[in-house]
Amino acid sequence: MKKKLFLLDGMALVYRAHFALVSRPIFTSKGVNSSALFVFTNTLLDIFGPCRTYADCSKASEFRC
């Protein structure tokens, strides 16, 4: 498998995510605004979606998933 390196500007992603849902914010059940987290997570899933690899945690003694 060919290895890929992703360089992401996290600050730009968070800034974009913060202002993406200003007109329709998403709140948790406790009233915390989670719009930026929602958009940021969806963006990461879109970027890494086609090249997902999963770690096999059953054989690793120190690695945590």
Protein backbone atom coordinates (compact mmCIF):
# COMPACT_ATOMS: atom_id res chain seq x y z
CA MET A 1 0.00 0.00 0.00
CA LYS A 2 1.31 3.42 -0.92
CA LYS A 3 1.66 5.72 2.10
CA LYS A 4 0.15 9.19 1.99
CA LEU A 5 0.97 12.27 4.01
CA PHE A 6 -1.76 14.79 4.74
CA LEU A 7 -0.79 18.30 5.83
CA LEU A 8 -3.79 20.16 7.19
CA ASP A 9 -4.08 23.73 8.38
CA GLY A 10 -6.15 23.03 11.48
CA MET A 11 -6.66 26.69 12.33
CA ALA A 12 -8.14 27.40 8.91
CA LEU A 13 -10.43 24.38 9.18
CA VAL A 14 -11.66 25.44 12.62
CA TYR A 15 -12.16 29.04 11.49
CA ARG A 16 -14.15 27.89 8.47
CA ALA A 17 -16.14 25.46 10.58
CA HIS A 18 -16.97 28.14 13.16
CA PHE A 19 -18.54 30.47 10.60
CA ALA A 20 -20.14 27.79 8.41
CA LEU A 21 -23.27 27.47 10.54
CA VAL A 22 -23.58 30.95 12.07
CA SER A 23 -27.15 31.36 10.84
CA ARG A 24 -28.22 27.85 11.98
CA PRO A 25 -26.08 26.79 14.95
CA ILE A 26 -26.14 23.24 16.29
CA PHE A 27 -26.47 22.85 20.06
CA THR A 28 -26.01 19.84 22.30
CA SER A 29 -28.68 18.77 24.77
CA LYS A 30 -26.87 20.84 27.42
CA GLY A 31 -26.94 23.99 25.27
CA VAL A 32 -23.30 23.98 24.15
CA ASN A 33 -22.74 25.22 20.59
CA SER A 34 -21.15 22.32 18.70
CA SER A 35 -21.38 23.69 15.14
CA ALA A 36 -17.62 24.08 14.67
CA LEU A 37 -16.92 20.58 15.97
CA PHE A 38 -19.59 19.11 13.69
CA VAL A 39 -18.29 20.83 10.54
CA PHE A 40 -14.63 20.16 11.44
CA THR A 41 -15.31 16.45 11.99
CA ASN A 42 -17.29 16.14 8.76
CA THR A 43 -14.48 17.84 6.86
CA LEU A 44 -11.93 15.38 8.26
CA LEU A 45 -14.19 12.45 7.41
CA ASP A 46 -14.52 13.77 3.84
CA ILE A 47 -10.74 14.13 3.51
CA PHE A 48 -9.83 10.77 5.02
CA GLY A 49 -12.91 8.85 3.89
CA PRO A 50 -11.51 7.29 0.70
CA CYS A 51 -8.26 6.18 2.35
CA ARG A 52 -9.44 4.86 5.71
CA THR A 53 -7.30 2.27 7.39
CA TYR A 54 -8.15 0.67 10.67
CA ALA A 55 -5.67 -0.44 13.28
CA ASP A 56 -5.91 -4.00 14.52
CA CYS A 57 -5.92 -3.47 18.27
CA SER A 58 -6.39 -7.12 19.18
CA LYS A 59 -2.67 -7.92 18.90
CA ALA A 60 -1.13 -4.72 20.24
CA SER A 61 -0.39 -4.60 23.93
CA GLU A 62 0.39 -0.87 24.29
CA PHE A 63 -1.47 0.67 21.34
CA ARG A 64 -4.89 2.14 22.06
CA CYS A 65 -7.56 2.88 19.46
